[in-house]
Amino acid sequence: MTPCFLYGKVSKVIDVEEKLQQAYLYDFYGELLNEHQRRIYEDFVFNDLSLGEIAGEEGITRQGVADMIKRCGKKLSDYEKKLHLVEKFLSVKQDVEEIHRLAEQFHQTKDEQIVEQIATISNQILEEL
């Protein structure tokens, strides 16, 4: 692979991860944006419309759309920095996935230590909530 090809692959992975992060932020905090902000942010991030397409629909400039998207992204990130809801959700999700894996393992082995691990993880989840 050439460095350019590799770089292109890495940037696409980052874009996918960034889109996922934006989706989580929007799912948790999107309702805190006003209707106009939500519409523009959704069109750009989720509907994959260009700045020009959104500007035409909204009757504002492309720069206005770009500024709005940037402000919305910052606002959503600021909410996460203060509240940590996405972080907590992802942590609990990971713990539940581990419990699921352990339950399947217990079903196969009937190892009582697995039950103790499940209890420890579930108690950890309860403490986080």
C-alpha atoms as a PDB file:
ATOM      1  CA  MET A   1       0.000   0.000   0.000  1.00  0.00           C
ATOM      2  CA  THR A   2       1.181   3.476  -0.755  1.00  0.00           C
ATOM      3  CA  PRO A   3       1.160   6.052   2.022  1.00  0.00           C
ATOM      4  CA  CYS A   4      -1.608   8.014   0.291  1.00  0.00           C
ATOM      5  CA  PHE A   5      -3.774   4.929   0.024  1.00  0.00           C
ATOM      6  CA  LEU A   6      -3.137   4.086   3.656  1.00  0.00           C
ATOM      7  CA  TYR A   7      -3.872   7.659   4.688  1.00  0.00           C
ATOM      8  CA  GLY A   8      -7.155   7.563   2.785  1.00  0.00           C
ATOM      9  CA  LYS A   9      -8.171   4.376   4.625  1.00  0.00           C
ATOM     10  CA  VAL A  10      -7.285   5.836   8.012  1.00  0.00           C
ATOM     11  CA  SER A  11      -9.197   9.045   7.347  1.00  0.00           C
ATOM     12  CA  LYS A  12     -12.275   7.044   6.311  1.00  0.00           C
ATOM     13  CA  VAL A  13     -12.127   5.067   9.559  1.00  0.00           C
ATOM     14  CA  ILE A  14     -11.850   8.296  11.506  1.00  0.00           C
ATOM     15  CA  ASP A  15     -14.816   9.702   9.580  1.00  0.00           C
ATOM     16  CA  VAL A  16     -16.925   6.652  10.489  1.00  0.00           C
ATOM     17  CA  GLU A  17     -15.929   6.904  14.151  1.00  0.00           C
ATOM     18  CA  GLU A  18     -16.608  10.644  14.105  1.00  0.00           C
ATOM     19  CA  LYS A  19     -20.039  10.073  12.537  1.00  0.00           C
ATOM     20  CA  LEU A  20     -20.835   7.515  15.238  1.00  0.00           C
ATOM     21  CA  GLN A  21     -19.747   9.951  17.950  1.00  0.00           C
ATOM     22  CA  GLN A  22     -21.881  12.697  16.372  1.00  0.00           C
ATOM     23  CA  ALA A  23     -24.841  10.313  16.281  1.00  0.00           C
ATOM     24  CA  TYR A  24     -24.440   9.467  19.965  1.00  0.00           C
ATOM     25  CA  LEU A  25     -24.112  13.128  20.914  1.00  0.00           C
ATOM     26  CA  TYR A  26     -27.184  13.996  18.883  1.00  0.00           C
ATOM     27  CA  ASP A  27     -29.193  11.087  20.317  1.00  0.00           C
ATOM     28  CA  PHE A  28     -28.488  12.240  23.852  1.00  0.00           C
ATOM     29  CA  TYR A  29     -28.470  16.017  23.481  1.00  0.00           C
ATOM     30  CA  GLY A  30     -30.119  16.843  20.142  1.00  0.00           C
ATOM     31  CA  GLU A  31     -33.387  17.856  21.769  1.00  0.00           C
ATOM     32  CA  LEU A  32     -31.504  20.687  23.467  1.00  0.00           C
ATOM     33  CA  LEU A  33     -30.935  22.324  20.074  1.00  0.00           C
ATOM     34  CA  ASN A  34     -33.694  24.492  18.656  1.00  0.00           C
ATOM     35  CA  GLU A  35     -35.714  23.229  15.686  1.00  0.00           C
ATOM     36  CA  HIS A  36     -33.720  25.245  13.124  1.00  0.00           C
ATOM     37  CA  GLN A  37     -30.408  23.951  14.491  1.00  0.00           C
ATOM     38  CA  ARG A  38     -31.668  20.359  14.571  1.00  0.00           C
ATOM     39  CA  ARG A  39     -32.890  20.532  10.981  1.00  0.00           C
ATOM     40  CA  ILE A  40     -29.581  21.874   9.653  1.00  0.00           C
ATOM     41  CA  TYR A  41     -27.466  19.505  11.758  1.00  0.00           C
ATOM     42  CA  GLU A  42     -29.556  16.474  10.726  1.00  0.00           C
ATOM     43  CA  ASP A  43     -29.420  17.426   7.046  1.00  0.00           C
ATOM     44  CA  PHE A  44     -25.654  17.714   7.096  1.00  0.00           C
ATOM     45  CA  VAL A  45     -24.666  14.897   9.446  1.00  0.00           C
ATOM     46  CA  PHE A  46     -27.376  12.294   8.847  1.00  0.00           C
ATOM     47  CA  ASN A  47     -28.897  13.112   5.472  1.00  0.00           C
ATOM     48  CA  ASP A  48     -25.496  13.852   3.912  1.00  0.00           C
ATOM     49  CA  LEU A  49     -26.660  17.044   2.201  1.00  0.00           C
ATOM     50  CA  SER A  50     -24.036  19.528   1.049  1.00  0.00           C
ATOM     51  CA  LEU A  51     -23.648  22.993   2.530  1.00  0.00           C
ATOM     52  CA  GLY A  52     -25.026  24.434  -0.710  1.00  0.00           C
ATOM     53  CA  GLU A  53     -28.102  22.187  -0.675  1.00  0.00           C
ATOM     54  CA  ILE A  54     -28.882  23.090   2.930  1.00  0.00           C
ATOM     55  CA  ALA A  55     -28.253  26.786   2.287  1.00  0.00           C
ATOM     56  CA  GLY A  56     -30.706  26.702  -0.610  1.00  0.00           C
ATOM     57  CA  GLU A  57     -33.379  24.978   1.471  1.00  0.00           C
ATOM     58  CA  GLU A  58     -32.915  27.255   4.473  1.00  0.00           C
ATOM     59  CA  GLY A  59     -32.428  30.531   2.596  1.00  0.00           C
ATOM     60  CA  ILE A  60     -29.057  31.248   4.214  1.00  0.00           C
ATOM     61  CA  THR A  61     -25.463  31.289   2.979  1.00  0.00           C
ATOM     62  CA  ARG A  62     -23.194  28.255   2.806  1.00  0.00           C
ATOM     63  CA  GLN A  63     -20.984  29.963   5.395  1.00  0.00           C
ATOM     64  CA  GLY A  64     -24.031  30.388   7.634  1.00  0.00           C
ATOM     65  CA  VAL A  65     -24.736  26.668   7.354  1.00  0.00           C
ATOM     66  CA  ALA A  66     -21.096  25.791   8.071  1.00  0.00           C
ATOM     67  CA  ASP A  67     -21.058  28.070  11.121  1.00  0.00           C
ATOM     68  CA  MET A  68     -24.341  26.595  12.393  1.00  0.00           C
ATOM     69  CA  ILE A  69     -23.045  23.013  12.049  1.00  0.00           C
ATOM     70  CA  LYS A  70     -19.832  23.920  13.848  1.00  0.00           C
ATOM     71  CA  ARG A  71     -21.724  25.675  16.666  1.00  0.00           C
ATOM     72  CA  CYS A  72     -24.138  22.757  17.031  1.00  0.00           C
ATOM     73  CA  GLY A  73     -21.290  20.246  17.179  1.00  0.00           C
ATOM     74  CA  LYS A  74     -19.525  22.326  19.824  1.00  0.00           C
ATOM     75  CA  LYS A  75     -22.730  22.718  21.805  1.00  0.00           C
ATOM     76  CA  LEU A  76     -23.357  18.959  21.774  1.00  0.00           C
ATOM     77  CA  SER A  77     -19.729  18.281  22.772  1.00  0.00           C
ATOM     78  CA  ASP A  78     -19.963  20.823  25.590  1.00  0.00           C
ATOM     79  CA  TYR A  79     -23.049  19.069  26.960  1.00  0.00           C
ATOM     80  CA  GLU A  80     -21.134  15.779  26.933  1.00  0.00           C
ATOM     81  CA  LYS A  81     -18.147  17.360  28.703  1.00  0.00           C
ATOM     82  CA  LYS A  82     -20.469  18.484  31.489  1.00  0.00           C
ATOM     83  CA  LEU A  83     -22.861  15.537  31.740  1.00  0.00           C
ATOM     84  CA  HIS A  84     -20.903  12.516  30.428  1.00  0.00           C
ATOM     85  CA  LEU A  85     -24.090  10.709  29.364  1.00  0.00           C
ATOM     86  CA  VAL A  86     -22.587   9.194  26.209  1.00  0.00           C
ATOM     87  CA  GLU A  87     -19.509   8.083  28.129  1.00  0.00           C
ATOM     88  CA  LYS A  88     -21.669   6.442  30.816  1.00  0.00           C
ATOM     89  CA  PHE A  89     -23.889   4.816  28.207  1.00  0.00           C
ATOM     90  CA  LEU A  90     -20.915   3.328  26.344  1.00  0.00           C
ATOM     91  CA  SER A  91     -19.426   2.067  29.602  1.00  0.00           C
ATOM     92  CA  VAL A  92     -22.670   0.367  30.627  1.00  0.00           C
ATOM     93  CA  LYS A  93     -23.083  -1.026  27.114  1.00  0.00           C
ATOM     94  CA  GLN A  94     -19.613  -2.564  27.296  1.00  0.00           C
ATOM     95  CA  ASP A  95     -20.364  -4.046  30.734  1.00  0.00           C
ATOM     96  CA  VAL A  96     -23.648  -5.542  29.526  1.00  0.00           C
ATOM     97  CA  GLU A  97     -21.863  -7.076  26.538  1.00  0.00           C
ATOM     98  CA  GLU A  98     -19.375  -8.635  28.977  1.00  0.00           C
ATOM     99  CA  ILE A  99     -22.224  -9.997  31.121  1.00  0.00           C
ATOM    100  CA  HIS A 100     -23.787 -11.477  27.998  1.00  0.00           C
ATOM    101  CA  ARG A 101     -20.502 -13.121  27.025  1.00  0.00           C
ATOM    102  CA  LEU A 102     -20.036 -14.503  30.538  1.00  0.00           C
ATOM    103  CA  ALA A 103     -23.608 -15.815  30.643  1.00  0.00           C
ATOM    104  CA  GLU A 104     -22.996 -17.734  27.419  1.00  0.00           C
ATOM    105  CA  GLN A 105     -19.754 -19.067  28.859  1.00  0.00           C
ATOM    106  CA  PHE A 106     -21.529 -20.108  32.086  1.00  0.00           C
ATOM    107  CA  HIS A 107     -24.214 -21.872  30.067  1.00  0.00           C
ATOM    108  CA  GLN A 108     -21.484 -23.989  28.479  1.00  0.00           C
ATOM    109  CA  THR A 109     -19.253 -24.608  31.505  1.00  0.00           C
ATOM    110  CA  LYS A 110     -21.464 -24.168  34.614  1.00  0.00           C
ATOM    111  CA  ASP A 111     -18.419 -22.560  36.293  1.00  0.00           C
ATOM    112  CA  GLU A 112     -19.626 -20.802  39.472  1.00  0.00           C
ATOM    113  CA  GLN A 113     -16.802 -18.225  39.287  1.00  0.00           C
ATOM    114  CA  ILE A 114     -18.530 -16.801  36.222  1.00  0.00           C
ATOM    115  CA  VAL A 115     -21.610 -16.051  38.343  1.00  0.00           C
ATOM    116  CA  GLU A 116     -19.380 -14.088  40.709  1.00  0.00           C
ATOM    117  CA  GLN A 117     -17.925 -12.131  37.769  1.00  0.00           C
ATOM    118  CA  ILE A 118     -21.430 -11.348  36.523  1.00  0.00           C
ATOM    119  CA  ALA A 119     -22.452 -10.162  40.002  1.00  0.00           C
ATOM    120  CA  THR A 120     -19.366  -7.932  40.214  1.00  0.00           C
ATOM    121  CA  ILE A 121     -20.024  -6.349  36.827  1.00  0.00           C
ATOM    122  CA  SER A 122     -23.739  -5.854  37.519  1.00  0.00           C
ATOM    123  CA  ASN A 123     -22.937  -4.197  40.863  1.00  0.00           C
ATOM    124  CA  GLN A 124     -20.473  -1.927  39.064  1.00  0.00           C
ATOM    125  CA  ILE A 125     -23.217  -0.930  36.615  1.00  0.00           C
ATOM    126  CA  LEU A 126     -25.600  -0.136  39.466  1.00  0.00           C
ATOM    127  CA  GLU A 127     -22.967   2.036  41.159  1.00  0.00           C
ATOM    128  CA  GLU A 128     -22.354   3.972  37.924  1.00  0.00           C
ATOM    129  CA  LEU A 129     -26.049   4.705  37.562  1.00  0.00           C
END
